[in-house]
């Protein structure tokens, strides 16, 4: 991860802010939602087979999953209000929920 932000004199000055922002966004998401394996039409879990892209940048390919609220009142708006993180967490969670 450190190579993504450069090194030495030319290192990104905002790297600590980015790392903290990602940490806050992901921990808030995981505190609010549970991620489970997707279910087939018979209600059985679909196994996740890890697949990765091939190329200059390697990243995991998409896979089906279920995202379930951990409590009854879990929503993006309530998460934003409860955490007080404002716009950044709201946009991050909306993007995650929209993609899924």
PDB file of N, CA and C in Angstrom:
ATOM      1  N   UNK A   1       0.822  -1.199   0.000  1.00  0.00           N
ATOM      2  CA  UNK A   1       0.000   0.000   0.000  1.00  0.00           C
ATOM      3  C   UNK A   1       0.860   1.254   0.000  1.00  0.00           C
ATOM      4  N   UNK A   2       2.051   1.183   0.570  1.00  0.00           N
ATOM      5  CA  UNK A   2       2.874   2.386   0.647  1.00  0.00           C
ATOM      6  C   UNK A   2       3.355   2.843  -0.725  1.00  0.00           C
ATOM      7  N   UNK A   3       3.535   1.924  -1.678  1.00  0.00           N
ATOM      8  CA  UNK A   3       3.973   2.316  -3.017  1.00  0.00           C
ATOM      9  C   UNK A   3       2.915   3.143  -3.740  1.00  0.00           C
ATOM     10  N   UNK A   4       1.666   2.926  -3.430  1.00  0.00           N
ATOM     11  CA  UNK A   4       0.593   3.686  -4.080  1.00  0.00           C
ATOM     12  C   UNK A   4       0.678   5.168  -3.750  1.00  0.00           C
ATOM     13  N   UNK A   5       1.265   5.517  -2.617  1.00  0.00           N
ATOM     14  CA  UNK A   5       1.360   6.910  -2.196  1.00  0.00           C
ATOM     15  C   UNK A   5       2.753   7.499  -2.405  1.00  0.00           C
ATOM     16  N   UNK A   6       3.635   6.752  -3.043  1.00  0.00           N
ATOM     17  CA  UNK A   6       4.986   7.247  -3.255  1.00  0.00           C
ATOM     18  C   UNK A   6       5.836   7.047  -2.011  1.00  0.00           C
ATOM     19  N   UNK A   7       7.055   7.557  -2.067  1.00  0.00           N
ATOM     20  CA  UNK A   7       7.952   7.412  -0.927  1.00  0.00           C
ATOM     21  C   UNK A   7       8.959   8.554  -0.916  1.00  0.00           C
ATOM     22  N   UNK A   8       9.630   8.678   0.195  1.00  0.00           N
ATOM     23  CA  UNK A   8      10.654   9.714   0.317  1.00  0.00           C
ATOM     24  C   UNK A   8      10.069  11.115   0.359  1.00  0.00           C
ATOM     25  N   UNK A   9      10.822  12.053  -0.216  1.00  0.00           N
ATOM     26  CA  UNK A   9      10.403  13.458  -0.218  1.00  0.00           C
ATOM     27  C   UNK A   9       9.100  13.685  -0.970  1.00  0.00           C
ATOM     28  N   UNK A  10       8.827  12.856  -1.924  1.00  0.00           N
ATOM     29  CA  UNK A  10       7.655  13.062  -2.777  1.00  0.00           C
ATOM     30  C   UNK A  10       6.443  12.227  -2.357  1.00  0.00           C
ATOM     31  N   UNK A  11       6.453  11.731  -1.154  1.00  0.00           N
ATOM     32  CA  UNK A  11       5.324  10.934  -0.669  1.00  0.00           C
ATOM     33  C   UNK A  11       4.077  11.810  -0.558  1.00  0.00           C
ATOM     34  N   UNK A  12       2.951  11.209  -0.797  1.00  0.00           N
ATOM     35  CA  UNK A  12       1.671  11.919  -0.731  1.00  0.00           C
ATOM     36  C   UNK A  12       1.428  12.428   0.691  1.00  0.00           C
ATOM     37  N   UNK A  13       1.144  13.708   0.810  1.00  0.00           N
ATOM     38  CA  UNK A  13       0.923  14.279   2.148  1.00  0.00           C
ATOM     39  C   UNK A  13      -0.420  13.856   2.738  1.00  0.00           C
ATOM     40  N   UNK A  14      -1.349  13.434   1.910  1.00  0.00           N
ATOM     41  CA  UNK A  14      -2.670  13.049   2.403  1.00  0.00           C
ATOM     42  C   UNK A  14      -2.842  11.562   2.638  1.00  0.00           C
ATOM     43  N   UNK A  15      -1.761  10.788   2.594  1.00  0.00           N
ATOM     44  CA  UNK A  15      -1.886   9.334   2.704  1.00  0.00           C
ATOM     45  C   UNK A  15      -2.481   8.898   4.038  1.00  0.00           C
ATOM     46  N   UNK A  16      -2.178   9.602   5.107  1.00  0.00           N
ATOM     47  CA  UNK A  16      -2.718   9.225   6.416  1.00  0.00           C
ATOM     48  C   UNK A  16      -4.217   9.526   6.495  1.00  0.00           C
ATOM     49  N   UNK A  17      -4.629  10.608   5.866  1.00  0.00           N
ATOM     50  CA  UNK A  17      -6.056  10.954   5.830  1.00  0.00           C
ATOM     51  C   UNK A  17      -6.826   9.907   5.029  1.00  0.00           C
ATOM     52  N   UNK A  18      -6.280   9.496   3.904  1.00  0.00           N
ATOM     53  CA  UNK A  18      -6.929   8.483   3.069  1.00  0.00           C
ATOM     54  C   UNK A  18      -7.044   7.168   3.821  1.00  0.00           C
ATOM     55  N   UNK A  19      -5.969   6.729   4.448  1.00  0.00           N
ATOM     56  CA  UNK A  19      -6.010   5.476   5.211  1.00  0.00           C
ATOM     57  C   UNK A  19      -7.033   5.547   6.337  1.00  0.00           C
ATOM     58  N   UNK A  20      -7.083   6.659   7.055  1.00  0.00           N
ATOM     59  CA  UNK A  20      -8.052   6.818   8.145  1.00  0.00           C
ATOM     60  C   UNK A  20      -9.478   6.851   7.608  1.00  0.00           C
ATOM     61  N   UNK A  21      -9.690   7.521   6.483  1.00  0.00           N
ATOM     62  CA  UNK A  21     -11.028   7.603   5.892  1.00  0.00           C
ATOM     63  C   UNK A  21     -11.519   6.231   5.443  1.00  0.00           C
ATOM     64  N   UNK A  22     -10.650   5.464   4.809  1.00  0.00           N
ATOM     65  CA  UNK A  22     -11.028   4.110   4.394  1.00  0.00           C
ATOM     66  C   UNK A  22     -11.330   3.235   5.601  1.00  0.00           C
ATOM     67  N   UNK A  23     -10.520   3.364   6.648  1.00  0.00           N
ATOM     68  CA  UNK A  23     -10.747   2.587   7.870  1.00  0.00           C
ATOM     69  C   UNK A  23     -12.114   2.922   8.472  1.00  0.00           C
ATOM     70  N   UNK A  24     -12.424   4.200   8.584  1.00  0.00           N
ATOM     71  CA  UNK A  24     -13.699   4.626   9.162  1.00  0.00           C
ATOM     72  C   UNK A  24     -14.867   4.137   8.311  1.00  0.00           C
ATOM     73  N   UNK A  25     -14.759   4.276   6.997  1.00  0.00           N
ATOM     74  CA  UNK A  25     -15.848   3.860   6.105  1.00  0.00           C
ATOM     75  C   UNK A  25     -16.100   2.358   6.207  1.00  0.00           C
ATOM     76  N   UNK A  26     -15.052   1.563   6.165  1.00  0.00           N
ATOM     77  CA  UNK A  26     -15.225   0.113   6.180  1.00  0.00           C
ATOM     78  C   UNK A  26     -15.668  -0.405   7.547  1.00  0.00           C
ATOM     79  N   UNK A  27     -15.108   0.134   8.631  1.00  0.00           N
ATOM     80  CA  UNK A  27     -15.535  -0.332   9.952  1.00  0.00           C
ATOM     81  C   UNK A  27     -16.976   0.078  10.237  1.00  0.00           C
ATOM     82  N   UNK A  28     -17.386   1.255   9.778  1.00  0.00           N
ATOM     83  CA  UNK A  28     -18.779   1.682   9.948  1.00  0.00           C
ATOM     84  C   UNK A  28     -19.712   0.784   9.150  1.00  0.00           C
ATOM     85  N   UNK A  29     -19.312   0.444   7.939  1.00  0.00           N
ATOM     86  CA  UNK A  29     -20.123  -0.447   7.101  1.00  0.00           C
ATOM     87  C   UNK A  29     -20.249  -1.821   7.753  1.00  0.00           C
ATOM     88  N   UNK A  30     -19.124  -2.385   8.211  1.00  0.00           N
ATOM     89  CA  UNK A  30     -19.151  -3.717   8.812  1.00  0.00           C
ATOM     90  C   UNK A  30     -19.841  -3.728  10.173  1.00  0.00           C
ATOM     91  N   UNK A  31     -19.858  -2.597  10.874  1.00  0.00           N
ATOM     92  CA  UNK A  31     -20.582  -2.515  12.140  1.00  0.00           C
ATOM     93  C   UNK A  31     -22.087  -2.458  11.910  1.00  0.00           C
ATOM     94  N   UNK A  32     -22.498  -2.012  10.730  1.00  0.00           N
ATOM     95  CA  UNK A  32     -23.912  -1.835  10.428  1.00  0.00           C
ATOM     96  C   UNK A  32     -24.499  -3.013   9.656  1.00  0.00           C
ATOM     97  N   UNK A  33     -23.699  -3.654   8.817  1.00  0.00           N
ATOM     98  CA  UNK A  33     -24.188  -4.728   7.949  1.00  0.00           C
ATOM     99  C   UNK A  33     -23.350  -5.990   8.117  1.00  0.00           C
ATOM    100  N   UNK A  34     -23.989  -7.144   7.895  1.00  0.00           N
ATOM    101  CA  UNK A  34     -23.288  -8.429   7.836  1.00  0.00           C
ATOM    102  C   UNK A  34     -23.225  -8.855   6.378  1.00  0.00           C
ATOM    103  N   UNK A  35     -22.096  -9.389   5.962  1.00  0.00           N
ATOM    104  CA  UNK A  35     -21.932  -9.865   4.595  1.00  0.00           C
ATOM    105  C   UNK A  35     -21.936 -11.389   4.632  1.00  0.00           C
ATOM    106  N   UNK A  36     -22.847 -11.991   3.864  1.00  0.00           N
ATOM    107  CA  UNK A  36     -23.001 -13.446   3.837  1.00  0.00           C
ATOM    108  C   UNK A  36     -22.904 -13.957   2.408  1.00  0.00           C
ATOM    109  N   UNK A  37     -22.727 -15.257   2.278  1.00  0.00           N
ATOM    110  CA  UNK A  37     -22.748 -15.875   0.956  1.00  0.00           C
ATOM    111  C   UNK A  37     -24.151 -15.735   0.370  1.00  0.00           C
ATOM    112  N   UNK A  38     -24.228 -15.619  -0.949  1.00  0.00           N
ATOM    113  CA  UNK A  38     -25.523 -15.530  -1.629  1.00  0.00           C
ATOM    114  C   UNK A  38     -26.234 -16.879  -1.538  1.00  0.00           C
ATOM    115  N   UNK A  39     -27.559 -16.830  -1.664  1.00  0.00           N
ATOM    116  CA  UNK A  39     -28.366 -18.050  -1.622  1.00  0.00           C
ATOM    117  C   UNK A  39     -28.877 -18.380  -3.017  1.00  0.00           C
ATOM    118  N   UNK A  40     -28.940 -19.688  -3.322  1.00  0.00           N
ATOM    119  CA  UNK A  40     -29.523 -20.091  -4.603  1.00  0.00           C
ATOM    120  C   UNK A  40     -31.038 -20.173  -4.464  1.00  0.00           C
ATOM    121  N   UNK A  41     -31.721 -20.639  -5.512  1.00  0.00           N
ATOM    122  CA  UNK A  41     -33.191 -20.680  -5.490  1.00  0.00           C
ATOM    123  C   UNK A  41     -33.747 -21.668  -4.474  1.00  0.00           C
ATOM    124  N   UNK A  42     -32.909 -22.583  -3.952  1.00  0.00           N
ATOM    125  CA  UNK A  42     -33.339 -23.548  -2.938  1.00  0.00           C
ATOM    126  C   UNK A  42     -32.958 -23.116  -1.523  1.00  0.00           C
ATOM    127  N   UNK A  43     -32.363 -21.941  -1.392  1.00  0.00           N
ATOM    128  CA  UNK A  43     -31.987 -21.422  -0.087  1.00  0.00           C
ATOM    129  C   UNK A  43     -30.646 -21.914   0.425  1.00  0.00           C
ATOM    130  N   UNK A  44     -29.871 -22.579  -0.421  1.00  0.00           N
ATOM    131  CA  UNK A  44     -28.547 -23.051  -0.014  1.00  0.00           C
ATOM    132  C   UNK A  44     -27.497 -22.016  -0.399  1.00  0.00           C
ATOM    133  N   UNK A  45     -26.453 -21.936   0.418  1.00  0.00           N
ATOM    134  CA  UNK A  45     -25.393 -20.963   0.159  1.00  0.00           C
ATOM    135  C   UNK A  45     -24.613 -21.321  -1.103  1.00  0.00           C
ATOM    136  N   UNK A  46     -24.301 -20.302  -1.890  1.00  0.00           N
ATOM    137  CA  UNK A  46     -23.484 -20.472  -3.087  1.00  0.00           C
ATOM    138  C   UNK A  46     -22.026 -20.285  -2.666  1.00  0.00           C
ATOM    139  N   UNK A  47     -21.168 -21.277  -2.919  1.00  0.00           N
ATOM    140  CA  UNK A  47     -19.765 -21.117  -2.512  1.00  0.00           C
ATOM    141  C   UNK A  47     -19.080 -20.000  -3.293  1.00  0.00           C
ATOM    142  N   UNK A  48     -18.196 -19.292  -2.613  1.00  0.00           N
ATOM    143  CA  UNK A  48     -17.441 -18.210  -3.252  1.00  0.00           C
ATOM    144  C   UNK A  48     -16.135 -18.796  -3.786  1.00  0.00           C
ATOM    145  N   UNK A  49     -15.942 -18.646  -5.087  1.00  0.00           N
ATOM    146  CA  UNK A  49     -14.701 -19.095  -5.718  1.00  0.00           C
ATOM    147  C   UNK A  49     -13.890 -17.842  -6.040  1.00  0.00           C
ATOM    148  N   UNK A  50     -12.754 -17.638  -5.358  1.00  0.00           N
ATOM    149  CA  UNK A  50     -11.977 -16.420  -5.608  1.00  0.00           C
ATOM    150  C   UNK A  50     -11.391 -16.406  -7.021  1.00  0.00           C
ATOM    151  N   UNK A  51     -11.686 -15.338  -7.753  1.00  0.00           N
ATOM    152  CA  UNK A  51     -11.136 -15.133  -9.093  1.00  0.00           C
ATOM    153  C   UNK A  51     -10.574 -13.723  -9.142  1.00  0.00           C
ATOM    154  N   UNK A  52      -9.464 -13.573  -9.840  1.00  0.00           N
ATOM    155  CA  UNK A  52      -8.808 -12.272  -9.929  1.00  0.00           C
ATOM    156  C   UNK A  52      -8.596 -11.892 -11.385  1.00  0.00           C
ATOM    157  N   UNK A  53      -8.571 -10.591 -11.638  1.00  0.00           N
ATOM    158  CA  UNK A  53      -8.309 -10.092 -12.981  1.00  0.00           C
ATOM    159  C   UNK A  53      -6.850 -10.362 -13.341  1.00  0.00           C
ATOM    160  N   UNK A  54      -6.590 -10.352 -14.625  1.00  0.00           N
ATOM    161  CA  UNK A  54      -5.216 -10.531 -15.091  1.00  0.00           C
ATOM    162  C   UNK A  54      -4.824  -9.267 -15.834  1.00  0.00           C
ATOM    163  N   UNK A  55      -3.731  -8.675 -15.446  1.00  0.00           N
ATOM    164  CA  UNK A  55      -3.279  -7.460 -16.109  1.00  0.00           C
ATOM    165  C   UNK A  55      -2.317  -6.687 -15.229  1.00  0.00           C
ATOM    166  N   UNK A  56      -2.152  -5.423 -15.559  1.00  0.00           N
ATOM    167  CA  UNK A  56      -1.236  -4.570 -14.811  1.00  0.00           C
ATOM    168  C   UNK A  56      -1.699  -4.400 -13.363  1.00  0.00           C
ATOM    169  N   UNK A  57      -2.986  -4.137 -13.192  1.00  0.00           N
ATOM    170  CA  UNK A  57      -3.569  -4.031 -11.850  1.00  0.00           C
ATOM    171  C   UNK A  57      -4.389  -5.292 -11.593  1.00  0.00           C
ATOM    172  N   UNK A  58      -4.068  -5.993 -10.528  1.00  0.00           N
ATOM    173  CA  UNK A  58      -4.790  -7.217 -10.196  1.00  0.00           C
ATOM    174  C   UNK A  58      -5.794  -6.896  -9.103  1.00  0.00           C
ATOM    175  N   UNK A  59      -7.053  -7.259  -9.321  1.00  0.00           N
ATOM    176  CA  UNK A  59      -8.098  -7.016  -8.345  1.00  0.00           C
ATOM    177  C   UNK A  59      -9.077  -8.183  -8.381  1.00  0.00           C
ATOM    178  N   UNK A  60      -9.804  -8.427  -7.284  1.00  0.00           N
ATOM    179  CA  UNK A  60     -10.761  -9.535  -7.277  1.00  0.00           C
ATOM    180  C   UNK A  60     -11.952  -9.225  -8.178  1.00  0.00           C
ATOM    181  N   UNK A  61     -12.434 -10.254  -8.874  1.00  0.00           N
ATOM    182  CA  UNK A  61     -13.630 -10.090  -9.693  1.00  0.00           C
ATOM    183  C   UNK A  61     -14.858 -10.094  -8.785  1.00  0.00           C
ATOM    184  N   UNK A  62     -15.963  -9.580  -9.294  1.00  0.00           N
ATOM    185  CA  UNK A  62     -17.181  -9.508  -8.487  1.00  0.00           C
ATOM    186  C   UNK A  62     -17.725 -10.911  -8.219  1.00  0.00           C
ATOM    187  N   UNK A  63     -18.454 -11.032  -7.133  1.00  0.00           N
ATOM    188  CA  UNK A  63     -19.074 -12.298  -6.768  1.00  0.00           C
ATOM    189  C   UNK A  63     -20.389 -11.989  -6.060  1.00  0.00           C
ATOM    190  N   UNK A  64     -21.357 -12.903  -6.140  1.00  0.00           N
ATOM    191  CA  UNK A  64     -22.642 -12.650  -5.483  1.00  0.00           C
ATOM    192  C   UNK A  64     -22.508 -12.756  -3.963  1.00  0.00           C
ATOM    193  N   UNK A  65     -23.240 -11.903  -3.261  1.00  0.00           N
ATOM    194  CA  UNK A  65     -23.259 -11.963  -1.803  1.00  0.00           C
ATOM    195  C   UNK A  65     -24.564 -11.341  -1.302  1.00  0.00           C
ATOM    196  N   UNK A  66     -24.831 -11.548  -0.021  1.00  0.00           N
ATOM    197  CA  UNK A  66     -25.989 -10.931   0.632  1.00  0.00           C
ATOM    198  C   UNK A  66     -25.476  -9.960   1.678  1.00  0.00           C
ATOM    199  N   UNK A  67     -26.053  -8.779   1.708  1.00  0.00           N
ATOM    200  CA  UNK A  67     -25.710  -7.799   2.731  1.00  0.00           C
ATOM    201  C   UNK A  67     -26.960  -7.591   3.578  1.00  0.00           C
ATOM    202  N   UNK A  68     -26.834  -7.941   4.853  1.00  0.00           N
ATOM    203  CA  UNK A  68     -27.977  -7.940   5.758  1.00  0.00           C
ATOM    204  C   UNK A  68     -27.726  -6.931   6.877  1.00  0.00           C
ATOM    205  N   UNK A  69     -28.709  -6.059   7.170  1.00  0.00           N
ATOM    206  CA  UNK A  69     -28.537  -5.117   8.284  1.00  0.00           C
ATOM    207  C   UNK A  69     -28.367  -5.867   9.604  1.00  0.00           C
ATOM    208  N   UNK A  70     -27.469  -5.383  10.449  1.00  0.00           N
ATOM    209  CA  UNK A  70     -27.249  -6.001  11.760  1.00  0.00           C
ATOM    210  C   UNK A  70     -28.354  -5.628  12.750  1.00  0.00           C
ATOM    211  N   UNK A  71     -29.034  -4.520  12.510  1.00  0.00           N
ATOM    212  CA  UNK A  71     -30.138  -4.122  13.374  1.00  0.00           C
ATOM    213  C   UNK A  71     -31.247  -3.533  12.512  1.00  0.00           C
ATOM    214  N   UNK A  72     -32.426  -3.456  13.084  1.00  0.00           N
ATOM    215  CA  UNK A  72     -33.636  -3.103  12.342  1.00  0.00           C
ATOM    216  C   UNK A  72     -33.571  -1.736  11.672  1.00  0.00           C
ATOM    217  N   UNK A  73     -32.955  -0.771  12.324  1.00  0.00           N
ATOM    218  CA  UNK A  73     -32.975   0.606  11.834  1.00  0.00           C
ATOM    219  C   UNK A  73     -31.721   0.957  11.026  1.00  0.00           C
ATOM    220  N   UNK A  74     -31.057  -0.045  10.449  1.00  0.00           N
ATOM    221  CA  UNK A  74     -29.818   0.203   9.695  1.00  0.00           C
ATOM    222  C   UNK A  74     -30.143   0.737   8.307  1.00  0.00           C
ATOM    223  N   UNK A  75     -29.662   1.909   8.014  1.00  0.00           N
ATOM    224  CA  UNK A  75     -29.784   2.489   6.677  1.00  0.00           C
ATOM    225  C   UNK A  75     -28.619   3.446   6.487  1.00  0.00           C
ATOM    226  N   UNK A  76     -28.385   3.829   5.255  1.00  0.00           N
ATOM    227  CA  UNK A  76     -27.285   4.752   4.975  1.00  0.00           C
ATOM    228  C   UNK A  76     -27.504   6.071   5.703  1.00  0.00           C
ATOM    229  N   UNK A  77     -28.735   6.577   5.683  1.00  0.00           N
ATOM    230  CA  UNK A  77     -29.021   7.855   6.343  1.00  0.00           C
ATOM    231  C   UNK A  77     -28.815   7.760   7.851  1.00  0.00           C
ATOM    232  N   UNK A  78     -29.273   6.670   8.461  1.00  0.00           N
ATOM    233  CA  UNK A  78     -29.081   6.508   9.901  1.00  0.00           C
ATOM    234  C   UNK A  78     -27.611   6.321  10.253  1.00  0.00           C
ATOM    235  N   UNK A  79     -26.865   5.602   9.404  1.00  0.00           N
ATOM    236  CA  UNK A  79     -25.433   5.441   9.644  1.00  0.00           C
ATOM    237  C   UNK A  79     -24.735   6.791   9.616  1.00  0.00           C
ATOM    238  N   UNK A  80     -25.082   7.619   8.650  1.00  0.00           N
ATOM    239  CA  UNK A  80     -24.491   8.954   8.547  1.00  0.00           C
ATOM    240  C   UNK A  80     -24.829   9.782   9.778  1.00  0.00           C
ATOM    241  N   UNK A  81     -26.089   9.726  10.210  1.00  0.00           N
ATOM    242  CA  UNK A  81     -26.525  10.504  11.367  1.00  0.00           C
ATOM    243  C   UNK A  81     -25.863  10.009  12.650  1.00  0.00           C
ATOM    244  N   UNK A  82     -25.792   8.690  12.840  1.00  0.00           N
ATOM    245  CA  UNK A  82     -25.240   8.132  14.071  1.00  0.00           C
ATOM    246  C   UNK A  82     -23.735   8.336  14.195  1.00  0.00           C
ATOM    247  N   UNK A  83     -23.020   8.214  13.093  1.00  0.00           N
ATOM    248  CA  UNK A  83     -21.564   8.338  13.155  1.00  0.00           C
ATOM    249  C   UNK A  83     -21.112   9.778  13.077  1.00  0.00           C
ATOM    250  N   UNK A  84     -21.935  10.650  12.502  1.00  0.00           N
ATOM    251  CA  UNK A  84     -21.555  12.043  12.354  1.00  0.00           C
ATOM    252  C   UNK A  84     -20.432  12.245  11.354  1.00  0.00           C
ATOM    253  N   UNK A  85     -20.252  11.290  10.449  1.00  0.00           N
ATOM    254  CA  UNK A  85     -19.145  11.377   9.500  1.00  0.00           C
ATOM    255  C   UNK A  85     -19.486  12.203   8.271  1.00  0.00           C
ATOM    256  N   UNK A  86     -20.735  12.547   8.114  1.00  0.00           N
ATOM    257  CA  UNK A  86     -21.112  13.457   7.040  1.00  0.00           C
ATOM    258  C   UNK A  86     -21.088  12.858   5.656  1.00  0.00           C
ATOM    259  N   UNK A  87     -20.755  13.689   4.692  1.00  0.00           N
ATOM    260  CA  UNK A  87     -20.902  13.358   3.284  1.00  0.00           C
ATOM    261  C   UNK A  87     -20.025  12.198   2.835  1.00  0.00           C
ATOM    262  N   UNK A  88     -18.791  12.107   3.303  1.00  0.00           N
ATOM    263  CA  UNK A  88     -17.881  11.080   2.781  1.00  0.00           C
ATOM    264  C   UNK A  88     -18.393   9.673   3.058  1.00  0.00           C
ATOM    265  N   UNK A  89     -18.847   9.400   4.283  1.00  0.00           N
ATOM    266  CA  UNK A  89     -19.356   8.065   4.596  1.00  0.00           C
ATOM    267  C   UNK A  89     -20.664   7.820   3.858  1.00  0.00           C
ATOM    268  N   UNK A  90     -21.465   8.859   3.684  1.00  0.00           N
ATOM    269  CA  UNK A  90     -22.727   8.728   2.975  1.00  0.00           C
ATOM    270  C   UNK A  90     -22.489   8.318   1.527  1.00  0.00           C
ATOM    271  N   UNK A  91     -21.570   8.970   0.855  1.00  0.00           N
ATOM    272  CA  UNK A  91     -21.265   8.645  -0.537  1.00  0.00           C
ATOM    273  C   UNK A  91     -20.668   7.247  -0.634  1.00  0.00           C
ATOM    274  N   UNK A  92     -19.761   6.900   0.267  1.00  0.00           N
ATOM    275  CA  UNK A  92     -19.132   5.580   0.245  1.00  0.00           C
ATOM    276  C   UNK A  92     -20.164   4.486   0.414  1.00  0.00           C
ATOM    277  N   UNK A  93     -21.036   4.613   1.406  1.00  0.00           N
ATOM    278  CA  UNK A  93     -22.041   3.583   1.656  1.00  0.00           C
ATOM    279  C   UNK A  93     -23.063   3.515   0.533  1.00  0.00           C
ATOM    280  N   UNK A  94     -23.472   4.642  -0.002  1.00  0.00           N
ATOM    281  CA  UNK A  94     -24.415   4.625  -1.119  1.00  0.00           C
ATOM    282  C   UNK A  94     -23.794   3.930  -2.325  1.00  0.00           C
ATOM    283  N   UNK A  95     -22.517   4.144  -2.565  1.00  0.00           N
ATOM    284  CA  UNK A  95     -21.845   3.481  -3.686  1.00  0.00           C
ATOM    285  C   UNK A  95     -21.800   1.979  -3.459  1.00  0.00           C
ATOM    286  N   UNK A  96     -21.487   1.549  -2.243  1.00  0.00           N
ATOM    287  CA  UNK A  96     -21.419   0.119  -1.939  1.00  0.00           C
ATOM    288  C   UNK A  96     -22.795  -0.507  -2.076  1.00  0.00           C
ATOM    289  N   UNK A  97     -23.813   0.128  -1.519  1.00  0.00           N
ATOM    290  CA  UNK A  97     -25.166  -0.414  -1.571  1.00  0.00           C
ATOM    291  C   UNK A  97     -25.688  -0.418  -3.002  1.00  0.00           C
ATOM    292  N   UNK A  98     -25.373   0.612  -3.797  1.00  0.00           N
ATOM    293  CA  UNK A  98     -25.834   0.679  -5.178  1.00  0.00           C
ATOM    294  C   UNK A  98     -25.213  -0.429  -6.013  1.00  0.00           C
ATOM    295  N   UNK A  99     -23.937  -0.677  -5.833  1.00  0.00           N
ATOM    296  CA  UNK A  99     -23.253  -1.716  -6.602  1.00  0.00           C
ATOM    297  C   UNK A  99     -23.819  -3.079  -6.272  1.00  0.00           C
ATOM    298  N   UNK A 100     -24.141  -3.302  -5.018  1.00  0.00           N
ATOM    299  CA  UNK A 100     -24.622  -4.604  -4.579  1.00  0.00           C
ATOM    300  C   UNK A 100     -26.105  -4.666  -4.802  1.00  0.00           C
TER     301      UNK A 100
END
